Protein backbone atom coordinates (compact mmCIF):
# COMPACT_ATOMS: atom_id res chain seq x y z
CA UNK A 1 62.76 96.72 52.88
CA UNK A 2 64.12 98.38 56.03
CA UNK A 3 62.20 100.26 58.59
CA UNK A 4 59.07 101.89 57.12
CA UNK A 5 57.80 105.15 58.50
CA UNK A 6 54.05 105.27 59.21
CA UNK A 7 52.39 108.62 58.95
CA UNK A 8 49.24 110.32 60.29
CA UNK A 9 47.69 113.43 58.55
CA UNK A 10 45.87 116.47 59.55
CA UNK A 11 44.43 119.47 57.93
CA UNK A 12 44.41 123.18 58.88
CA UNK A 13 41.83 125.27 57.19
CA UNK A 14 41.93 129.01 57.24
CA UNK A 15 38.64 130.73 56.01
CA UNK A 16 38.34 134.40 55.25
CA UNK A 17 34.92 135.73 54.62
CA UNK A 18 34.31 139.51 54.12
CA UNK A 19 32.60 142.24 52.21
CA UNK A 20 34.19 145.71 52.55
CA UNK A 21 35.29 146.34 56.05
CA UNK A 22 33.34 143.57 57.46
CA UNK A 23 35.19 140.37 57.58
CA UNK A 24 35.79 137.31 59.62
CA UNK A 25 38.72 134.89 59.73
CA UNK A 26 38.49 131.41 61.23
CA UNK A 27 40.75 128.37 61.63
CA UNK A 28 39.50 124.73 61.85
CA UNK A 29 41.82 121.81 62.64
CA UNK A 30 40.95 118.40 61.19
CA UNK A 31 42.68 115.92 63.31
CA UNK A 32 43.98 112.34 62.22
CA UNK A 33 41.12 110.80 64.14
CA UNK A 34 38.55 112.58 62.18
CA UNK A 35 37.85 115.34 64.79
CA UNK A 36 37.11 118.77 63.91
CA UNK A 37 37.92 121.66 66.19
CA UNK A 38 37.61 125.59 65.79
CA UNK A 39 41.09 126.75 66.76
CA UNK A 40 40.49 130.50 65.88
CA UNK A 41 41.31 131.53 69.47
CA UNK A 42 44.79 130.22 69.30
CA UNK A 43 46.11 132.76 66.89
CA UNK A 44 45.07 135.22 64.13
CA UNK A 45 47.48 134.17 61.41
CA UNK A 46 48.20 130.89 59.62
CA UNK A 47 51.94 131.21 60.56
CA UNK A 48 51.00 131.12 64.30
CA UNK A 49 48.95 128.01 63.64
CA UNK A 50 51.50 126.34 61.63
CA UNK A 51 54.23 127.15 64.13
CA UNK A 52 51.99 125.71 66.95
CA UNK A 53 51.44 122.55 65.04
CA UNK A 54 55.29 122.26 64.19
CA UNK A 55 55.94 122.26 67.94
CA UNK A 56 53.69 119.29 68.10
CA UNK A 57 55.83 117.42 65.46
CA UNK A 58 53.50 118.29 62.49
CA UNK A 59 55.31 119.10 59.12
CA UNK A 60 53.60 121.09 56.42
CA UNK A 61 53.17 118.80 53.22
CA UNK A 62 51.23 121.05 50.92
CA UNK A 63 49.01 124.10 50.77
CA UNK A 64 46.16 125.09 48.38
CA UNK A 65 44.00 128.21 48.02
CA UNK A 66 40.53 128.79 46.85
CA UNK A 67 39.42 132.40 46.14
CA UNK A 68 35.70 133.51 45.12
CA UNK A 69 35.33 137.02 44.70
CA UNK A 70 31.56 136.99 43.68
CA UNK A 71 29.53 139.16 46.13
CA UNK A 72 32.33 139.95 48.55
CA UNK A 73 35.39 137.91 49.11
CA UNK A 74 35.81 134.35 50.33
CA UNK A 75 39.19 132.68 50.63
CA UNK A 76 39.90 129.14 51.81
CA UNK A 77 43.41 128.06 52.55
CA UNK A 78 44.18 124.45 53.23
CA UNK A 79 47.31 123.32 54.83
CA UNK A 80 48.00 119.56 54.81
CA UNK A 81 50.24 118.29 57.41
CA UNK A 82 51.93 115.00 58.51
CA UNK A 83 53.89 113.53 61.25
CA UNK A 84 55.31 110.18 62.01
CA UNK A 85 53.27 107.80 64.12
CA UNK A 86 55.39 106.94 67.26
């Protein structure tokens, strides 16, 4: 069967909550060990966070978006990432 690659997975979640001119964007990293860390301070765009993860060996596998426009706006973007386990 050859050499099999073992993967570990992580999740980056971008949450936008706003109403009118008042809004808040946050980023949370869910690590492969089950940890949860607010990484908002590391950048203000998803691209900044994905590039940072890419430098650590993470590859984007898929992305999903949920939008709820009832009473203001809430957007949740989920970025699923993987990297080989050394």
